């Protein structure tokens, strides 16, 4: 295990995502984070969860009545494995996923190209920063809405003991093909963590 997982004997959730950058970057999404998106966005048509991991997000999307295609580059025991989303070219109705941290920009480039309706990525709020993203992603194809979490999400590596809380801010970035100008900043109401824990 990478040394950043434990410092002074304690689990440090703020550091764990750096530990897996050279690998498959697998951090399942807490159910409440997906419920928060689905309470605030509607998706017409099918949804592709293209980094499905163990199916944590796919199951929530399906429970909301959506038809969901699930895939991942790696075999996590759920969905179709061996599918590299960043090479996808066929149009799809909608895409909803928590992408690997080290591939987020590639996911944006692919998603905005092939999604017919909406494309939603769960990303660090700090994804808004950066001169390169300002020149490319946000000047060429800004999201229609950014839903900022009022509560902090803690992403644990699969199988880790869940204790403590995260200090990194996250948001849902939603590209909506029916919106052609500007980005709206919105806040998700607190309480999802307690409701869906």
Protein backbone atom coordinates (compact mmCIF):
# COMPACT_ATOMS: atom_id res chain seq x y z
CA UNK A 1 0.00 0.00 0.00
CA UNK A 2 1.18 3.51 -0.79
CA UNK A 3 2.64 5.46 2.13
CA UNK A 4 0.14 8.27 1.68
CA UNK A 5 -2.70 6.06 2.86
CA UNK A 6 -1.54 6.23 6.48
CA UNK A 7 0.35 9.00 8.25
CA UNK A 8 0.98 8.83 11.97
CA UNK A 9 -1.15 5.70 12.06
CA UNK A 10 -4.31 7.44 10.79
CA UNK A 11 -6.18 7.26 7.51
CA UNK A 12 -5.94 10.49 5.55
CA UNK A 13 -8.82 10.67 3.06
CA UNK A 14 -7.59 13.97 1.61
CA UNK A 15 -4.45 12.31 0.29
CA UNK A 16 -5.67 8.94 -0.97
CA UNK A 17 -6.50 9.92 -4.55
CA UNK A 18 -2.87 10.84 -5.19
CA UNK A 19 -1.80 7.35 -4.21
CA UNK A 20 -3.35 5.65 -7.21
CA UNK A 21 -2.45 7.97 -10.08
CA UNK A 22 -0.20 5.41 -11.75
CA UNK A 23 -2.84 2.70 -11.44
CA UNK A 24 -6.54 2.19 -12.07
CA UNK A 25 -7.65 4.98 -9.68
CA UNK A 26 -10.57 3.11 -8.15
CA UNK A 27 -12.62 4.98 -5.56
CA UNK A 28 -16.32 3.95 -5.49
CA UNK A 29 -18.83 6.82 -5.32
CA UNK A 30 -20.97 7.05 -2.17
CA UNK A 31 -24.65 6.49 -3.02
CA UNK A 32 -25.73 9.84 -1.62
CA UNK A 33 -23.58 11.74 -4.11
CA UNK A 34 -25.40 10.13 -7.04
CA UNK A 35 -28.81 10.70 -5.45
CA UNK A 36 -27.94 14.39 -5.16
CA UNK A 37 -27.38 14.63 -8.91
CA UNK A 38 -30.54 12.73 -9.77
CA UNK A 39 -32.67 14.91 -7.51
CA UNK A 40 -31.53 18.00 -9.39
CA UNK A 41 -31.08 16.91 -13.01
CA UNK A 42 -33.34 14.93 -15.33
CA UNK A 43 -31.97 12.69 -18.04
CA UNK A 44 -34.03 11.88 -21.13
CA UNK A 45 -32.94 8.67 -22.76
CA UNK A 46 -30.38 6.07 -21.79
CA UNK A 47 -27.40 6.74 -19.51
CA UNK A 48 -23.90 5.38 -19.98
CA UNK A 49 -21.93 4.96 -16.76
CA UNK A 50 -18.54 4.56 -18.41
CA UNK A 51 -16.31 4.16 -15.33
CA UNK A 52 -18.71 1.97 -13.39
CA UNK A 53 -16.27 0.20 -11.06
CA UNK A 54 -18.30 -2.15 -8.87
CA UNK A 55 -21.60 -0.65 -10.03
CA UNK A 56 -22.13 1.72 -7.09
CA UNK A 57 -23.33 4.60 -9.28
CA UNK A 58 -25.03 2.42 -11.90
CA UNK A 59 -27.28 0.82 -9.30
CA UNK A 60 -28.48 4.22 -8.09
CA UNK A 61 -29.14 5.40 -11.67
CA UNK A 62 -31.12 2.21 -12.35
CA UNK A 63 -33.09 2.57 -9.10
CA UNK A 64 -34.24 5.98 -10.38
CA UNK A 65 -35.83 4.31 -13.41
CA UNK A 66 -33.11 4.96 -15.95
CA UNK A 67 -31.89 2.51 -18.56
CA UNK A 68 -28.15 2.27 -17.84
CA UNK A 69 -25.22 0.88 -19.78
CA UNK A 70 -22.30 0.12 -17.45
CA UNK A 71 -18.68 -0.32 -18.48
CA UNK A 72 -15.16 0.15 -17.18
CA UNK A 73 -11.64 -0.16 -18.49
CA UNK A 74 -10.92 -2.59 -15.65
CA UNK A 75 -12.82 -5.68 -14.52
CA UNK A 76 -14.48 -4.83 -11.21
CA UNK A 77 -17.11 -7.55 -11.45
CA UNK A 78 -19.79 -5.24 -12.83
CA UNK A 79 -20.70 -4.13 -16.34
CA UNK A 80 -18.60 -4.63 -19.44
CA UNK A 81 -14.85 -4.55 -18.83
CA UNK A 82 -12.10 -3.51 -21.23
CA UNK A 83 -13.99 -0.48 -22.56
CA UNK A 84 -11.82 2.63 -22.95
CA UNK A 85 -14.28 5.53 -22.81
CA UNK A 86 -11.70 8.02 -24.07
CA UNK A 87 -11.69 6.22 -27.44
CA UNK A 88 -15.49 6.10 -27.80
CA UNK A 89 -16.99 7.69 -30.93
CA UNK A 90 -20.61 6.45 -31.11
CA UNK A 91 -23.23 8.97 -29.91
CA UNK A 92 -25.14 8.21 -26.71
CA UNK A 93 -28.06 9.97 -25.02
CA UNK A 94 -26.42 10.77 -21.68
CA UNK A 95 -23.25 10.05 -19.72
CA UNK A 96 -22.97 10.10 -15.92
CA UNK A 97 -19.77 9.05 -14.18
CA UNK A 98 -17.05 9.67 -11.61
CA UNK A 99 -14.00 9.54 -13.89
CA UNK A 100 -10.50 8.47 -12.93
CA UNK A 101 -8.84 11.58 -11.54
CA UNK A 102 -5.88 11.34 -13.90
CA UNK A 103 -8.14 11.07 -16.98
CA UNK A 104 -10.75 13.74 -16.23
CA UNK A 105 -9.80 16.07 -19.08
CA UNK A 106 -9.86 13.22 -21.59
CA UNK A 107 -13.29 12.20 -20.29
CA UNK A 108 -14.55 15.75 -20.84
CA UNK A 109 -13.25 15.88 -24.40
CA UNK A 110 -14.90 12.57 -25.26
CA UNK A 111 -18.13 13.19 -23.35
CA UNK A 112 -18.97 16.55 -24.85
CA UNK A 113 -18.41 15.09 -28.30
CA UNK A 114 -20.58 11.97 -28.06
CA UNK A 115 -23.35 12.91 -25.59
CA UNK A 116 -26.57 13.92 -27.35
CA UNK A 117 -28.29 15.39 -24.28
CA UNK A 118 -26.32 15.61 -21.05
CA UNK A 119 -22.90 14.69 -19.77
CA UNK A 120 -22.31 14.79 -16.00
CA UNK A 121 -18.95 14.31 -14.30
CA UNK A 122 -18.28 14.19 -10.58
CA UNK A 123 -15.05 16.19 -10.18
CA UNK A 124 -13.08 18.16 -7.67
CA UNK A 125 -14.34 21.72 -7.50
CA UNK A 126 -10.74 22.73 -8.22
CA UNK A 127 -11.26 21.38 -11.76
CA UNK A 128 -12.53 24.91 -12.45
CA UNK A 129 -8.98 26.16 -12.00
CA UNK A 130 -6.08 25.98 -14.42
CA UNK A 131 -4.90 28.05 -17.36
CA UNK A 132 -4.92 25.10 -19.74
CA UNK A 133 -8.51 24.13 -18.92
CA UNK A 134 -9.54 27.81 -19.19
CA UNK A 135 -8.08 27.96 -22.70
CA UNK A 136 -9.46 24.64 -23.88
CA UNK A 137 -12.37 23.05 -22.02
CA UNK A 138 -14.00 26.11 -20.50
CA UNK A 139 -13.56 28.46 -23.45
CA UNK A 140 -14.59 25.88 -26.05
CA UNK A 141 -17.30 23.93 -24.22
CA UNK A 142 -18.13 25.19 -20.72
CA UNK A 143 -20.55 23.16 -18.58
CA UNK A 144 -24.11 24.43 -18.35
CA UNK A 145 -24.25 23.90 -14.59
CA UNK A 146 -21.84 23.20 -11.75
CA UNK A 147 -23.57 21.72 -8.71
CA UNK A 148 -21.37 22.33 -5.66
CA UNK A 149 -21.71 19.94 -2.74
CA UNK A 150 -22.53 21.62 0.57
CA UNK A 151 -21.27 18.48 2.30
CA UNK A 152 -17.86 16.96 1.75
CA UNK A 153 -17.61 13.63 -0.04
CA UNK A 154 -15.03 11.18 1.22
CA UNK A 155 -13.79 8.74 -1.39
CA UNK A 156 -12.27 5.60 0.06
CA UNK A 157 -10.30 3.02 -1.89
CA UNK A 158 -12.34 -0.14 -2.39
CA UNK A 159 -12.26 -2.23 0.77
CA UNK A 160 -10.87 0.51 3.03
CA UNK A 161 -12.27 1.08 6.50
CA UNK A 162 -14.47 4.15 6.27
CA UNK A 163 -13.64 6.59 9.03
CA UNK A 164 -13.02 10.31 9.16
CA UNK A 165 -14.20 12.80 6.57
CA UNK A 166 -12.76 14.42 3.49
CA UNK A 167 -11.56 17.98 3.14
CA UNK A 168 -11.69 18.21 -0.65
CA UNK A 169 -14.63 20.04 -2.27
CA UNK A 170 -16.45 18.24 -5.10
CA UNK A 171 -19.12 19.20 -7.60
CA UNK A 172 -21.18 17.74 -10.40
CA UNK A 173 -20.18 19.35 -13.70
CA UNK A 174 -23.09 19.05 -16.15
CA UNK A 175 -22.80 19.73 -19.86
CA UNK A 176 -26.32 20.15 -21.25
CA UNK A 177 -26.69 20.30 -25.04
CA UNK A 178 -29.91 22.31 -24.68
CA UNK A 179 -27.96 25.18 -23.08
CA UNK A 180 -25.75 27.20 -25.39
CA UNK A 181 -24.35 30.02 -23.28
CA UNK A 182 -22.72 30.48 -19.90
CA UNK A 183 -22.26 28.36 -16.81
CA UNK A 184 -24.63 28.48 -13.88
CA UNK A 185 -23.22 27.84 -10.41
CA UNK A 186 -25.63 26.08 -8.06
CA UNK A 187 -25.38 24.54 -4.59
CA UNK A 188 -26.71 21.15 -3.56
CA UNK A 189 -28.75 21.35 -0.37
CA UNK A 190 -27.17 19.73 2.70
CA UNK A 191 -28.70 16.55 4.07
CA UNK A 192 -27.99 13.99 1.34
CA UNK A 193 -25.28 12.27 3.34
CA UNK A 194 -27.64 11.60 6.25
CA UNK A 195 -30.61 10.62 4.05
CA UNK A 196 -28.78 8.07 1.93
CA UNK A 197 -26.02 6.85 4.27
